[in-house]
Amino acid sequence: MSATLRTVAIDLVGQYNAAGKHLLNAWRRGAGRLIEAPAAAPQLPFVSEEIRTQVAGARDKFAAFLTERLEADVALAGKLMDTVAQRATGGIDYVAAAASRVESEPGASVLRTLHDLHLPFAQLSLKLAGTVAEGAGKLEARVSQAESEAVSTVPVKAVRRTRAAAAEA
């Protein structure tokens, strides 16, 4: 199939839409991990079990609310990205259809010249968009991989200094 400005432009819109979706998913996963991070918070010293339970319950409710909002906002952003891509593709199709209706020979030769002049730049942009989409996909995969790996932390014990050691320092 021979490449035309129309097909290259539509592919370009698709590549950038895919890159945006990868970045959106990576952001969603990272933000989700951030929301869930307080769930592993250390125990509160000198606080009764009842208050610990209330704090944990409030923390869980707040995390659930944030997670719900995150998912809703990501879904809305994804729909918006699809709408923009769909409208851009429709605009490209409209311009291509209008260009194909040009009947006069001078107009057609000018359009062919413009097409031949801009096609290499459009193909280069498409390659760049493919690279961006590939990089965004790798970033999303990396965030997903980091999500599946358990991060272990070692609690640090406070060092008690004696009066004699403090006087020497």
Foldseek 3Di string as FASTA:
>chain_A
DDDWLLVLQLLLLVLLLLLVLLLLLLVLLVVLCVLCVCLPPDQDPPDDPVVSVVVNVVSVVVSVVVNVVSVVVSVVVNVVSVVVSVVSSVVSVVVVVVLVPDDDPVSVVVVVVVGVVCVVVSVVSSVVSNVSSVVSNVSSVVSVVVSPDDDDDDDDDDDDDDPVRVVVD
